[in-house]
Protein backbone atom coordinates (compact mmCIF):
# COMPACT_ATOMS: atom_id res chain seq x y z
CA UNK A 1 12.81 10.73 4.89
CA UNK A 2 9.78 12.48 6.44
CA UNK A 3 9.23 14.15 9.64
CA UNK A 4 6.12 13.01 11.05
CA UNK A 5 3.32 14.24 13.82
CA UNK A 6 0.02 12.76 15.09
CA UNK A 7 -2.17 14.77 17.03
CA UNK A 8 -3.65 13.77 19.35
CA UNK A 9 -0.58 11.93 20.71
CA UNK A 10 -1.21 7.96 20.22
CA UNK A 11 -0.01 5.50 22.47
CA UNK A 12 3.96 5.84 23.79
CA UNK A 13 4.66 2.65 23.02
CA UNK A 14 3.08 2.85 19.37
CA UNK A 15 3.85 6.15 18.05
CA UNK A 16 3.30 7.73 15.01
CA UNK A 17 7.12 7.01 14.03
CA UNK A 18 6.20 4.05 13.73
CA UNK A 19 4.47 4.38 10.46
CA UNK A 20 8.58 4.91 8.70
CA UNK A 21 9.40 1.64 10.23
CA UNK A 22 9.96 -1.05 7.89
CA UNK A 23 8.65 -3.84 10.69
CA UNK A 24 5.72 -4.74 9.79
CA UNK A 25 4.82 -5.36 13.78
CA UNK A 26 5.62 -2.12 14.86
CA UNK A 27 2.14 -0.39 14.53
CA UNK A 28 0.93 3.37 15.17
CA UNK A 29 -2.11 3.09 17.58
CA UNK A 30 -4.28 5.86 18.96
CA UNK A 31 -5.60 5.95 22.52
CA UNK A 32 -9.26 6.51 20.81
CA UNK A 33 -10.72 6.46 18.35
CA UNK A 34 -11.42 10.73 17.93
CA UNK A 35 -10.46 12.05 14.72
CA UNK A 36 -6.76 11.81 14.57
CA UNK A 37 -4.28 14.18 12.38
CA UNK A 38 -0.91 13.00 10.75
CA UNK A 39 1.06 15.63 9.39
CA UNK A 40 4.56 15.27 7.34
CA UNK A 41 7.41 17.40 6.44
CA UNK A 42 10.30 17.00 4.44
CA UNK A 43 13.65 19.22 4.60
CA UNK A 44 13.31 19.93 1.06
CA UNK A 45 10.78 19.99 -1.91
CA UNK A 46 9.19 16.79 -2.98
CA UNK A 47 7.16 15.64 -5.88
CA UNK A 48 4.25 13.33 -4.83
CA UNK A 49 1.75 11.36 -6.88
CA UNK A 50 0.54 8.55 -4.51
CA UNK A 51 -0.14 8.68 -0.70
CA UNK A 52 -0.72 4.87 0.92
CA UNK A 53 -1.65 3.94 4.29
CA UNK A 54 -1.09 0.54 5.01
CA UNK A 55 -2.33 -2.50 7.79
CA UNK A 56 -5.03 -0.66 9.15
CA UNK A 57 -8.14 -1.44 10.94
CA UNK A 58 -10.43 1.46 9.64
CA UNK A 59 -12.35 -1.39 7.55
CA UNK A 60 -16.18 0.43 7.71
CA UNK A 61 -17.74 2.33 5.19
CA UNK A 62 -17.80 4.69 7.67
CA UNK A 63 -14.04 5.20 7.48
CA UNK A 64 -12.88 8.45 6.16
CA UNK A 65 -9.66 10.17 5.55
CA UNK A 66 -8.29 13.65 4.02
CA UNK A 67 -5.17 13.96 2.06
CA UNK A 68 -3.78 17.92 1.81
CA UNK A 69 -0.77 18.72 0.29
CA UNK A 70 1.04 21.57 0.75
CA UNK A 71 4.21 23.08 -1.23
CA UNK A 72 5.96 25.10 1.58
CA UNK A 73 6.65 22.85 5.26
CA UNK A 74 4.40 24.95 7.57
CA UNK A 75 1.19 23.51 5.62
CA UNK A 76 -0.09 27.05 4.45
CA UNK A 77 0.18 26.64 0.30
CA UNK A 78 -2.03 24.12 -0.68
CA UNK A 79 -1.51 22.65 -3.86
CA UNK A 80 -4.28 19.64 -3.16
CA UNK A 81 -6.73 18.43 -0.97
CA UNK A 82 -8.59 15.31 -1.69
CA UNK A 83 -11.82 16.53 1.02
CA UNK A 84 -12.75 13.93 3.28
CA UNK A 85 -13.23 10.35 0.98
CA UNK A 86 -14.09 7.03 1.97
CA UNK A 87 -10.96 4.99 3.25
CA UNK A 88 -12.29 1.67 1.83
CA UNK A 89 -14.71 0.73 -1.48
CA UNK A 90 -18.15 -0.97 -0.55
CA UNK A 91 -18.96 -4.40 -1.75
CA UNK A 92 -20.85 -3.96 -4.80
CA UNK A 93 -24.37 -6.08 -4.90
CA UNK A 94 -23.15 -9.11 -6.67
CA UNK A 95 -20.19 -9.20 -4.40
CA UNK A 96 -22.19 -9.59 -0.63
CA UNK A 97 -22.44 -12.37 0.79
CA UNK A 98 -26.10 -12.68 1.84
CA UNK A 99 -27.13 -13.21 5.36
CA UNK A 100 -23.46 -12.98 6.02
CA UNK A 101 -22.29 -9.24 5.23
CA UNK A 102 -23.87 -6.43 6.77
CA UNK A 103 -25.35 -3.58 4.91
CA UNK A 104 -22.29 -1.66 3.18
CA UNK A 105 -19.78 -4.17 3.86
CA UNK A 106 -16.59 -2.74 2.35
CA UNK A 107 -14.21 -4.84 0.30
CA UNK A 108 -12.05 -5.09 3.35
CA UNK A 109 -14.75 -6.32 6.03
CA UNK A 110 -13.84 -10.30 6.00
CA UNK A 111 -9.90 -8.79 6.45
CA UNK A 112 -7.76 -8.55 9.25
CA UNK A 113 -6.37 -5.07 8.20
CA UNK A 114 -6.90 -2.61 5.52
CA UNK A 115 -5.01 -0.23 3.10
CA UNK A 116 -5.96 2.89 1.04
CA UNK A 117 -3.66 4.51 -2.06
CA UNK A 118 -4.59 7.87 -3.31
CA UNK A 119 -3.49 7.52 -6.90
CA UNK A 120 -3.14 11.34 -8.14
CA UNK A 121 -3.29 12.37 -11.82
CA UNK A 122 -1.05 14.23 -11.73
CA UNK A 123 2.58 14.96 -9.23
CA UNK A 124 2.86 17.75 -7.05
CA UNK A 125 5.83 19.44 -5.33
CA UNK A 126 5.54 19.42 -2.28
CA UNK A 127 7.37 20.14 1.83
CA UNK A 128 4.49 18.81 3.85
CA UNK A 129 1.42 17.03 3.99
CA UNK A 130 -1.51 16.39 6.48
CA UNK A 131 -3.57 13.74 6.59
CA UNK A 132 -6.64 13.40 9.03
CA UNK A 133 -8.56 10.23 10.04
CA UNK A 134 -12.26 9.76 11.07
CA UNK A 135 -13.66 6.72 12.22
CA UNK A 136 -15.63 7.34 15.54
CA UNK A 137 -17.18 3.77 15.75
CA UNK A 138 -14.21 1.83 15.04
CA UNK A 139 -15.29 -1.35 16.71
CA UNK A 140 -11.81 -1.86 18.14
CA UNK A 141 -11.96 1.63 20.27
CA UNK A 142 -8.47 2.56 18.51
CA UNK A 143 -7.23 3.46 15.18
CA UNK A 144 -3.78 1.75 14.01
CA UNK A 145 -1.68 1.37 10.93
CA UNK A 146 1.74 0.21 10.08
CA UNK A 147 3.02 1.88 7.08
CA UNK A 148 2.49 5.07 5.21
CA UNK A 149 4.09 5.73 1.60
CA UNK A 150 4.46 8.84 -0.22
CA UNK A 151 6.14 9.27 -3.52
CA UNK A 152 5.87 9.03 -7.41
CA UNK A 153 4.50 6.24 -9.02
CA UNK A 154 4.56 4.92 -12.47
CA UNK A 155 2.61 3.07 -14.82
CA UNK A 156 3.76 1.70 -18.01
CA UNK A 157 1.76 2.40 -21.32
CA UNK A 158 1.30 -0.81 -21.73
CA UNK A 159 0.26 -3.53 -18.72
CA UNK A 160 1.59 -6.27 -17.92
CA UNK A 161 1.30 -9.07 -20.29
CA UNK A 162 -1.30 -11.99 -19.41
CA UNK A 163 0.70 -15.12 -17.34
CA UNK A 164 0.94 -12.74 -14.52
CA UNK A 165 1.10 -15.35 -11.40
CA UNK A 166 0.81 -14.43 -7.89
CA UNK A 167 2.19 -17.47 -5.34
CA UNK A 168 1.24 -17.38 -1.79
CA UNK A 169 4.25 -18.47 0.71
CA UNK A 170 3.53 -20.03 3.74
CA UNK A 171 6.85 -20.66 6.25
CA UNK A 172 4.79 -23.35 8.16
CA UNK A 173 7.11 -26.49 8.40
CA UNK A 174 4.83 -29.88 8.73
CA UNK A 175 5.57 -33.29 9.80
CA UNK A 176 3.40 -36.47 10.53
CA UNK A 177 2.76 -37.76 13.80
CA UNK A 178 3.03 -41.56 14.77
CA UNK A 179 -1.02 -41.58 14.40
CA UNK A 180 -1.01 -40.15 10.68
CA UNK A 181 -1.82 -36.62 11.61
CA UNK A 182 -0.14 -33.99 9.85
CA UNK A 183 0.98 -31.28 12.36
CA UNK A 184 2.47 -27.89 12.25
CA UNK A 185 5.85 -27.85 14.22
CA UNK A 186 6.54 -24.31 13.39
CA UNK A 187 4.44 -21.06 11.96
CA UNK A 188 5.16 -18.19 9.96
CA UNK A 189 2.97 -15.35 8.30
CA UNK A 190 2.40 -16.21 4.62
CA UNK A 191 3.61 -13.69 2.27
CA UNK A 192 2.85 -13.08 -1.36
CA UNK A 193 5.34 -13.28 -4.35
CA UNK A 194 4.10 -11.77 -7.62
CA UNK A 195 5.78 -12.27 -11.01
CA UNK A 196 4.88 -10.41 -14.81
CA UNK A 197 6.60 -9.98 -17.43
CA UNK A 198 6.42 -6.12 -19.31
CA UNK A 199 6.47 -7.02 -23.42
CA UNK A 200 5.56 -4.20 -24.77
CA UNK A 201 7.19 -1.11 -23.35
CA UNK A 202 8.63 1.60 -25.27
CA UNK A 203 12.24 1.85 -25.28
CA UNK A 204 12.42 5.88 -24.94
CA UNK A 205 10.17 6.43 -22.11
CA UNK A 206 9.19 3.04 -20.12
CA UNK A 207 12.42 1.46 -20.27
CA UNK A 208 13.95 4.34 -19.28
CA UNK A 209 11.56 4.96 -16.64
CA UNK A 210 12.01 1.62 -15.15
CA UNK A 211 15.55 0.98 -15.49
CA UNK A 212 15.94 4.59 -13.47
CA UNK A 213 13.48 3.12 -10.54
CA UNK A 214 14.92 0.24 -10.15
CA UNK A 215 18.57 1.59 -9.79
CA UNK A 216 17.37 4.00 -7.09
CA UNK A 217 14.92 1.44 -5.04
CA UNK A 218 16.91 -1.96 -5.90
CA UNK A 219 16.50 -4.30 -3.83
CA UNK A 220 17.16 -1.97 -0.86
CA UNK A 221 14.01 -0.29 -0.73
CA UNK A 222 10.56 -1.04 -0.40
CA UNK A 223 8.14 -0.46 -3.59
CA UNK A 224 4.48 -0.62 -4.04
CA UNK A 225 3.03 -2.59 -6.88
CA UNK A 226 -0.91 -2.85 -7.56
CA UNK A 227 -1.52 -4.85 -10.44
CA UNK A 228 -5.15 -3.24 -10.57
CA UNK A 229 -4.77 0.18 -9.03
CA UNK A 230 -7.77 1.95 -8.43
CA UNK A 231 -10.44 -0.90 -9.16
CA UNK A 232 -12.04 -1.22 -5.58
CA UNK A 233 -12.33 -4.82 -5.64
CA UNK A 234 -11.06 -7.48 -3.76
CA UNK A 235 -9.07 -8.51 -6.90
CA UNK A 236 -7.18 -5.47 -6.53
CA UNK A 237 -6.45 -6.07 -2.76
CA UNK A 238 -5.11 -9.61 -3.86
CA UNK A 239 -2.92 -7.95 -6.59
CA UNK A 240 -1.58 -5.28 -4.53
CA UNK A 241 2.00 -5.82 -2.98
CA UNK A 242 3.91 -3.73 -0.41
CA UNK A 243 7.41 -5.18 -0.72
CA UNK A 244 10.51 -5.33 -2.24
CA UNK A 245 12.15 -6.61 -5.70
CA UNK A 246 13.03 -10.18 -4.98
CA UNK A 247 15.44 -10.64 -8.21
CA UNK A 248 17.82 -9.05 -11.08
CA UNK A 249 15.57 -8.58 -13.59
CA UNK A 250 17.22 -8.10 -17.23
CA UNK A 251 15.65 -5.60 -19.28
CA UNK A 252 15.71 -7.00 -23.03
CA UNK A 253 15.65 -4.47 -26.20
CA UNK A 254 13.53 -7.08 -28.27
CA UNK A 255 12.82 -3.93 -31.33
CA UNK A 256 14.22 -1.00 -32.30
CA UNK A 257 11.32 0.53 -30.14
CA UNK A 258 10.21 -1.99 -27.72
CA UNK A 259 11.73 -3.29 -24.60
CA UNK A 260 10.68 -6.28 -22.54
CA UNK A 261 11.42 -7.12 -18.62
CA UNK A 262 10.56 -9.74 -16.62
CA UNK A 263 9.97 -8.62 -12.60
CA UNK A 264 9.14 -10.31 -9.49
CA UNK A 265 8.31 -8.43 -6.01
CA UNK A 266 8.15 -10.55 -2.59
CA UNK A 267 5.61 -9.06 0.16
CA UNK A 268 7.45 -7.64 3.25
């Protein structure tokens, strides 16, 4: 696990270490909207090709972040620098809701929270990273997030087959009153479940990598699944899940050079 620090220091009851806590209600929150720098170090080199910040409130088009990766633990030998880039994507002309959306509204403007993911073309061996958050006009008066991810990502040679299904599970319990009203007797946060099938995996590369990933992660650890990575659209938001694999997948050899797998991921 990485060692995290943040400058200036966040609220004492909502520290930067909450970004490593699997409980979503454990937020990191800053005391103001000044630029904040999050740093992380590892005791040994790690290979990184994906960095994501989840559940944050930096949804405006003016919000920027900068991701820097270093091969040493002292943040001196740089191997990657994203420069200052937007944290969210501005809605396209056709996606704007006229007389409702403000100019330069982003794809997260009408959402309670946002996520930002940086998918790198190549992996880097690093031992430290620095993330600079900049959103001085944030209307909340502070910056917050609940999860920081940094690791390797994998993309199969061929994408999922058509038929991938997204299910929204709402644990709210309903009861009908004597007057006929359908009332909620208990409430819970809805979660998404995404099921997909990989039908055209190569046995020597895709299937072996998937088996390795599932064996290392299994149900014990969180994973990030994105059906439309980097699309910058509402569809990417809907089909990106930070959660766990929720079944015991079977990988079938269906051809001398091909394998198939069915996977289900549950948010949380």
